[in-house]
């Protein structure tokens, strides 16, 4: 993310609807690595560290890497459903990672999992109605991309649900094969 902050590099990496439609499809992924300014990058980097620490017991390095990649692509594609023309930031992925972790906490019967999930749903719902935080917009020098937050949260919840479904399905197959 640090390298993606340099203006000459950011111009090639930011999520840009017109550039993507003209064939620069890497921007679907790399737009999540760029940021509007240094405070934006630092804020997202700290949030990534905190969220990763909170949910560290739920993933391996391989799963974590895969999850970040899939969430970044999902957010990059999900933004197409909005009217956003240009996007930079990791916040959509962060919302997805948080949603995924909250579901894993619930599955592991950790105290607070349901509260974390309810908080995420409340935050994203609030943003869809009232918009992003004015203080965040002032800090990052741009409108908060609440559409990316929604896309990330939905993606994280769907991936967690899919993982639970596949795991339960595999357990059923194993039980049947032992009989």
C-alpha atoms as a PDB file:
ATOM      1  CA  UNK A   1       0.000   0.000   0.000  1.00  0.00           C
ATOM      2  CA  UNK A   2       2.929   2.306   0.682  1.00  0.00           C
ATOM      3  CA  UNK A   3       4.225   2.007  -2.879  1.00  0.00           C
ATOM      4  CA  UNK A   4       0.711   2.419  -4.296  1.00  0.00           C
ATOM      5  CA  UNK A   5       0.524   5.854  -2.610  1.00  0.00           C
ATOM      6  CA  UNK A   6       3.036   7.478  -4.960  1.00  0.00           C
ATOM      7  CA  UNK A   7       1.074   9.561  -7.498  1.00  0.00           C
ATOM      8  CA  UNK A   8       2.745   8.114 -10.604  1.00  0.00           C
ATOM      9  CA  UNK A   9       1.984   4.560  -9.429  1.00  0.00           C
ATOM     10  CA  UNK A  10      -1.455   5.376  -8.026  1.00  0.00           C
ATOM     11  CA  UNK A  11      -2.516   6.628 -11.471  1.00  0.00           C
ATOM     12  CA  UNK A  12      -2.020   3.066 -12.772  1.00  0.00           C
ATOM     13  CA  UNK A  13      -3.627   1.256  -9.844  1.00  0.00           C
ATOM     14  CA  UNK A  14      -6.669   3.197  -8.589  1.00  0.00           C
ATOM     15  CA  UNK A  15     -10.157   1.836  -9.289  1.00  0.00           C
ATOM     16  CA  UNK A  16     -11.306   3.843 -12.309  1.00  0.00           C
ATOM     17  CA  UNK A  17     -14.553   2.816 -13.999  1.00  0.00           C
ATOM     18  CA  UNK A  18     -13.593   4.130 -17.443  1.00  0.00           C
ATOM     19  CA  UNK A  19     -10.100   2.602 -17.336  1.00  0.00           C
ATOM     20  CA  UNK A  20     -11.504  -0.780 -16.245  1.00  0.00           C
ATOM     21  CA  UNK A  21     -14.095  -0.690 -19.002  1.00  0.00           C
ATOM     22  CA  UNK A  22     -11.250   0.078 -21.431  1.00  0.00           C
ATOM     23  CA  UNK A  23      -9.523  -3.165 -20.403  1.00  0.00           C
ATOM     24  CA  UNK A  24      -7.406  -2.222 -17.363  1.00  0.00           C
ATOM     25  CA  UNK A  25      -9.038  -4.961 -15.293  1.00  0.00           C
ATOM     26  CA  UNK A  26      -6.213  -5.165 -12.719  1.00  0.00           C
ATOM     27  CA  UNK A  27      -7.705  -2.024 -11.186  1.00  0.00           C
ATOM     28  CA  UNK A  28     -10.570  -4.143  -9.834  1.00  0.00           C
ATOM     29  CA  UNK A  29      -8.025  -5.609  -7.411  1.00  0.00           C
ATOM     30  CA  UNK A  30      -5.419  -2.870  -7.096  1.00  0.00           C
ATOM     31  CA  UNK A  31      -7.866  -0.054  -6.384  1.00  0.00           C
ATOM     32  CA  UNK A  32      -8.070  -1.478  -2.871  1.00  0.00           C
ATOM     33  CA  UNK A  33      -4.339  -0.855  -2.387  1.00  0.00           C
ATOM     34  CA  UNK A  34      -4.443   2.854  -3.244  1.00  0.00           C
ATOM     35  CA  UNK A  35      -5.590   5.653  -0.957  1.00  0.00           C
ATOM     36  CA  UNK A  36      -6.608   9.281  -1.307  1.00  0.00           C
ATOM     37  CA  UNK A  37      -3.801  10.512   0.977  1.00  0.00           C
ATOM     38  CA  UNK A  38      -1.310   9.377   3.608  1.00  0.00           C
ATOM     39  CA  UNK A  39      -3.699   9.689   6.575  1.00  0.00           C
ATOM     40  CA  UNK A  40      -6.190   7.507   4.659  1.00  0.00           C
ATOM     41  CA  UNK A  41      -3.521   4.835   4.109  1.00  0.00           C
ATOM     42  CA  UNK A  42      -2.371   4.959   7.729  1.00  0.00           C
ATOM     43  CA  UNK A  43      -5.954   4.753   9.033  1.00  0.00           C
ATOM     44  CA  UNK A  44      -6.720   1.721   6.839  1.00  0.00           C
ATOM     45  CA  UNK A  45      -3.394   0.061   7.698  1.00  0.00           C
ATOM     46  CA  UNK A  46      -4.076   0.405  11.421  1.00  0.00           C
ATOM     47  CA  UNK A  47      -7.630  -0.896  10.961  1.00  0.00           C
ATOM     48  CA  UNK A  48      -6.251  -3.899   9.049  1.00  0.00           C
ATOM     49  CA  UNK A  49      -3.808  -4.635  11.868  1.00  0.00           C
ATOM     50  CA  UNK A  50      -6.508  -4.339  14.537  1.00  0.00           C
ATOM     51  CA  UNK A  51      -9.103  -6.454  12.694  1.00  0.00           C
ATOM     52  CA  UNK A  52      -6.458  -9.064  11.859  1.00  0.00           C
ATOM     53  CA  UNK A  53      -5.425  -9.209  15.518  1.00  0.00           C
ATOM     54  CA  UNK A  54      -9.006  -9.532  16.768  1.00  0.00           C
ATOM     55  CA  UNK A  55      -9.806 -12.466  14.470  1.00  0.00           C
ATOM     56  CA  UNK A  56      -6.313 -14.041  14.291  1.00  0.00           C
ATOM     57  CA  UNK A  57      -7.471 -17.354  15.756  1.00  0.00           C
ATOM     58  CA  UNK A  58      -9.772 -17.964  12.794  1.00  0.00           C
ATOM     59  CA  UNK A  59      -7.266 -18.113   9.967  1.00  0.00           C
ATOM     60  CA  UNK A  60      -3.929 -19.357   8.790  1.00  0.00           C
ATOM     61  CA  UNK A  61      -1.599 -17.252   6.636  1.00  0.00           C
ATOM     62  CA  UNK A  62      -2.887 -19.060   3.544  1.00  0.00           C
ATOM     63  CA  UNK A  63      -6.566 -18.565   4.387  1.00  0.00           C
ATOM     64  CA  UNK A  64      -5.949 -14.937   5.377  1.00  0.00           C
ATOM     65  CA  UNK A  65      -4.168 -14.204   2.075  1.00  0.00           C
ATOM     66  CA  UNK A  66      -6.902 -15.920   0.094  1.00  0.00           C
ATOM     67  CA  UNK A  67      -9.613 -14.067   1.991  1.00  0.00           C
ATOM     68  CA  UNK A  68      -7.981 -10.658   1.399  1.00  0.00           C
ATOM     69  CA  UNK A  69      -7.593 -11.422  -2.314  1.00  0.00           C
ATOM     70  CA  UNK A  70     -11.168 -12.650  -2.760  1.00  0.00           C
ATOM     71  CA  UNK A  71     -12.596  -9.740  -0.765  1.00  0.00           C
ATOM     72  CA  UNK A  72     -10.577  -7.204  -2.775  1.00  0.00           C
ATOM     73  CA  UNK A  73     -11.854  -8.652  -6.049  1.00  0.00           C
ATOM     74  CA  UNK A  74     -15.416  -8.820  -4.690  1.00  0.00           C
ATOM     75  CA  UNK A  75     -15.325  -5.198  -3.568  1.00  0.00           C
ATOM     76  CA  UNK A  76     -13.782  -4.117  -6.869  1.00  0.00           C
ATOM     77  CA  UNK A  77     -16.543  -5.882  -8.785  1.00  0.00           C
ATOM     78  CA  UNK A  78     -19.265  -4.838  -6.345  1.00  0.00           C
ATOM     79  CA  UNK A  79     -18.521  -1.165  -6.861  1.00  0.00           C
ATOM     80  CA  UNK A  80     -19.734  -1.547 -10.447  1.00  0.00           C
ATOM     81  CA  UNK A  81     -23.279  -1.799  -9.056  1.00  0.00           C
ATOM     82  CA  UNK A  82     -22.921   1.792  -7.834  1.00  0.00           C
ATOM     83  CA  UNK A  83     -22.382   5.087  -9.600  1.00  0.00           C
ATOM     84  CA  UNK A  84     -18.805   5.448  -8.303  1.00  0.00           C
ATOM     85  CA  UNK A  85     -16.402   6.524 -11.034  1.00  0.00           C
ATOM     86  CA  UNK A  86     -13.149   6.445  -9.032  1.00  0.00           C
ATOM     87  CA  UNK A  87     -12.289   4.608  -5.814  1.00  0.00           C
ATOM     88  CA  UNK A  88      -9.254   4.250  -3.591  1.00  0.00           C
ATOM     89  CA  UNK A  89      -9.068   2.540  -0.230  1.00  0.00           C
ATOM     90  CA  UNK A  90      -9.110  -0.698   1.684  1.00  0.00           C
ATOM     91  CA  UNK A  91     -12.229   0.007   3.729  1.00  0.00           C
ATOM     92  CA  UNK A  92     -14.495  -2.273   1.697  1.00  0.00           C
ATOM     93  CA  UNK A  93     -12.108  -5.172   2.282  1.00  0.00           C
ATOM     94  CA  UNK A  94     -11.875  -4.236   5.967  1.00  0.00           C
ATOM     95  CA  UNK A  95     -15.667  -4.419   6.302  1.00  0.00           C
ATOM     96  CA  UNK A  96     -15.608  -7.819   4.600  1.00  0.00           C
ATOM     97  CA  UNK A  97     -12.867  -9.119   6.868  1.00  0.00           C
ATOM     98  CA  UNK A  98     -14.752  -7.854   9.918  1.00  0.00           C
ATOM     99  CA  UNK A  99     -18.002  -9.504   8.781  1.00  0.00           C
ATOM    100  CA  UNK A 100     -16.209 -12.781   8.075  1.00  0.00           C
ATOM    101  CA  UNK A 101     -14.531 -12.662  11.490  1.00  0.00           C
ATOM    102  CA  UNK A 102     -17.779 -11.881  13.310  1.00  0.00           C
ATOM    103  CA  UNK A 103     -19.446 -14.921  11.740  1.00  0.00           C
ATOM    104  CA  UNK A 104     -16.454 -17.086  12.652  1.00  0.00           C
ATOM    105  CA  UNK A 105     -16.701 -15.778  16.248  1.00  0.00           C
ATOM    106  CA  UNK A 106     -20.375 -16.750  16.301  1.00  0.00           C
ATOM    107  CA  UNK A 107     -19.566 -20.177  14.884  1.00  0.00           C
ATOM    108  CA  UNK A 108     -16.852 -20.662  17.527  1.00  0.00           C
ATOM    109  CA  UNK A 109     -19.316 -19.524  20.215  1.00  0.00           C
ATOM    110  CA  UNK A 110     -17.067 -16.619  21.253  1.00  0.00           C
ATOM    111  CA  UNK A 111     -18.700 -14.057  23.449  1.00  0.00           C
ATOM    112  CA  UNK A 112     -19.496 -10.917  21.516  1.00  0.00           C
ATOM    113  CA  UNK A 113     -19.696 -12.447  18.038  1.00  0.00           C
ATOM    114  CA  UNK A 114     -23.365 -11.556  17.663  1.00  0.00           C
ATOM    115  CA  UNK A 115     -22.685  -8.071  19.014  1.00  0.00           C
ATOM    116  CA  UNK A 116     -19.898  -7.541  16.463  1.00  0.00           C
ATOM    117  CA  UNK A 117     -22.180  -8.706  13.662  1.00  0.00           C
ATOM    118  CA  UNK A 118     -25.022  -6.467  14.840  1.00  0.00           C
ATOM    119  CA  UNK A 119     -22.617  -3.524  15.054  1.00  0.00           C
ATOM    120  CA  UNK A 120     -21.403  -4.103  11.501  1.00  0.00           C
ATOM    121  CA  UNK A 121     -24.950  -4.374  10.164  1.00  0.00           C
ATOM    122  CA  UNK A 122     -25.990  -1.232  12.052  1.00  0.00           C
ATOM    123  CA  UNK A 123     -22.966   0.750  10.801  1.00  0.00           C
ATOM    124  CA  UNK A 124     -23.373  -0.249   7.169  1.00  0.00           C
ATOM    125  CA  UNK A 125     -27.144   0.321   7.317  1.00  0.00           C
ATOM    126  CA  UNK A 126     -26.641   3.757   8.874  1.00  0.00           C
ATOM    127  CA  UNK A 127     -24.186   4.679   6.125  1.00  0.00           C
ATOM    128  CA  UNK A 128     -26.598   3.587   3.399  1.00  0.00           C
ATOM    129  CA  UNK A 129     -29.236   5.945   4.789  1.00  0.00           C
ATOM    130  CA  UNK A 130     -27.201   8.870   6.149  1.00  0.00           C
ATOM    131  CA  UNK A 131     -23.855   8.605   4.345  1.00  0.00           C
ATOM    132  CA  UNK A 132     -20.346   8.307   5.674  1.00  0.00           C
ATOM    133  CA  UNK A 133     -18.770  10.070   8.610  1.00  0.00           C
ATOM    134  CA  UNK A 134     -18.062  13.764   8.016  1.00  0.00           C
ATOM    135  CA  UNK A 135     -14.876  13.547  10.109  1.00  0.00           C
ATOM    136  CA  UNK A 136     -13.627  10.622   7.986  1.00  0.00           C
ATOM    137  CA  UNK A 137     -14.380  12.558   4.813  1.00  0.00           C
ATOM    138  CA  UNK A 138     -12.403  15.508   6.143  1.00  0.00           C
ATOM    139  CA  UNK A 139      -9.471  13.250   7.046  1.00  0.00           C
ATOM    140  CA  UNK A 140      -9.316  11.384   3.729  1.00  0.00           C
ATOM    141  CA  UNK A 141     -10.188  14.360   1.544  1.00  0.00           C
ATOM    142  CA  UNK A 142     -12.966  12.516  -0.278  1.00  0.00           C
ATOM    143  CA  UNK A 143     -16.480  11.157   0.108  1.00  0.00           C
ATOM    144  CA  UNK A 144     -16.583   7.928   2.105  1.00  0.00           C
ATOM    145  CA  UNK A 145     -17.368   5.119  -0.344  1.00  0.00           C
ATOM    146  CA  UNK A 146     -20.216   3.564   1.619  1.00  0.00           C
ATOM    147  CA  UNK A 147     -20.983   1.412  -1.404  1.00  0.00           C
ATOM    148  CA  UNK A 148     -17.619  -0.305  -0.944  1.00  0.00           C
ATOM    149  CA  UNK A 149     -18.386  -0.840   2.747  1.00  0.00           C
ATOM    150  CA  UNK A 150     -21.685  -2.510   1.822  1.00  0.00           C
ATOM    151  CA  UNK A 151     -20.080  -4.625  -0.898  1.00  0.00           C
ATOM    152  CA  UNK A 152     -17.301  -5.736   1.434  1.00  0.00           C
ATOM    153  CA  UNK A 153     -19.597  -6.512   4.360  1.00  0.00           C
ATOM    154  CA  UNK A 154     -21.974  -8.545   2.188  1.00  0.00           C
ATOM    155  CA  UNK A 155     -19.056 -10.383   0.575  1.00  0.00           C
ATOM    156  CA  UNK A 156     -17.452 -11.203   3.923  1.00  0.00           C
ATOM    157  CA  UNK A 157     -20.730 -12.527   5.313  1.00  0.00           C
ATOM    158  CA  UNK A 158     -21.396 -14.570   2.169  1.00  0.00           C
ATOM    159  CA  UNK A 159     -17.902 -16.100   2.185  1.00  0.00           C
ATOM    160  CA  UNK A 160     -18.210 -16.992   5.866  1.00  0.00           C
ATOM    161  CA  UNK A 161     -21.623 -18.551   5.244  1.00  0.00           C
ATOM    162  CA  UNK A 162     -20.305 -20.471   2.245  1.00  0.00           C
ATOM    163  CA  UNK A 163     -17.365 -21.781   4.284  1.00  0.00           C
ATOM    164  CA  UNK A 164     -19.723 -22.980   7.023  1.00  0.00           C
ATOM    165  CA  UNK A 165     -21.988 -24.647   4.460  1.00  0.00           C
ATOM    166  CA  UNK A 166     -19.079 -26.408   2.730  1.00  0.00           C
ATOM    167  CA  UNK A 167     -17.593 -27.506   6.053  1.00  0.00           C
ATOM    168  CA  UNK A 168     -20.933 -28.899   7.248  1.00  0.00           C
ATOM    169  CA  UNK A 169     -21.434 -30.646   3.907  1.00  0.00           C
ATOM    170  CA  UNK A 170     -17.972 -32.264   4.150  1.00  0.00           C
ATOM    171  CA  UNK A 171     -18.674 -33.391   7.715  1.00  0.00           C
ATOM    172  CA  UNK A 172     -21.950 -35.018   6.597  1.00  0.00           C
ATOM    173  CA  UNK A 173     -20.147 -36.839   3.783  1.00  0.00           C
ATOM    174  CA  UNK A 174     -17.512 -38.105   6.209  1.00  0.00           C
ATOM    175  CA  UNK A 175     -20.154 -39.353   8.649  1.00  0.00           C
ATOM    176  CA  UNK A 176     -22.008 -41.151   5.843  1.00  0.00           C
ATOM    177  CA  UNK A 177     -18.818 -42.752   4.526  1.00  0.00           C
ATOM    178  CA  UNK A 178     -18.049 -44.162   8.011  1.00  0.00           C
ATOM    179  CA  UNK A 179     -21.413 -45.896   8.253  1.00  0.00           C
END
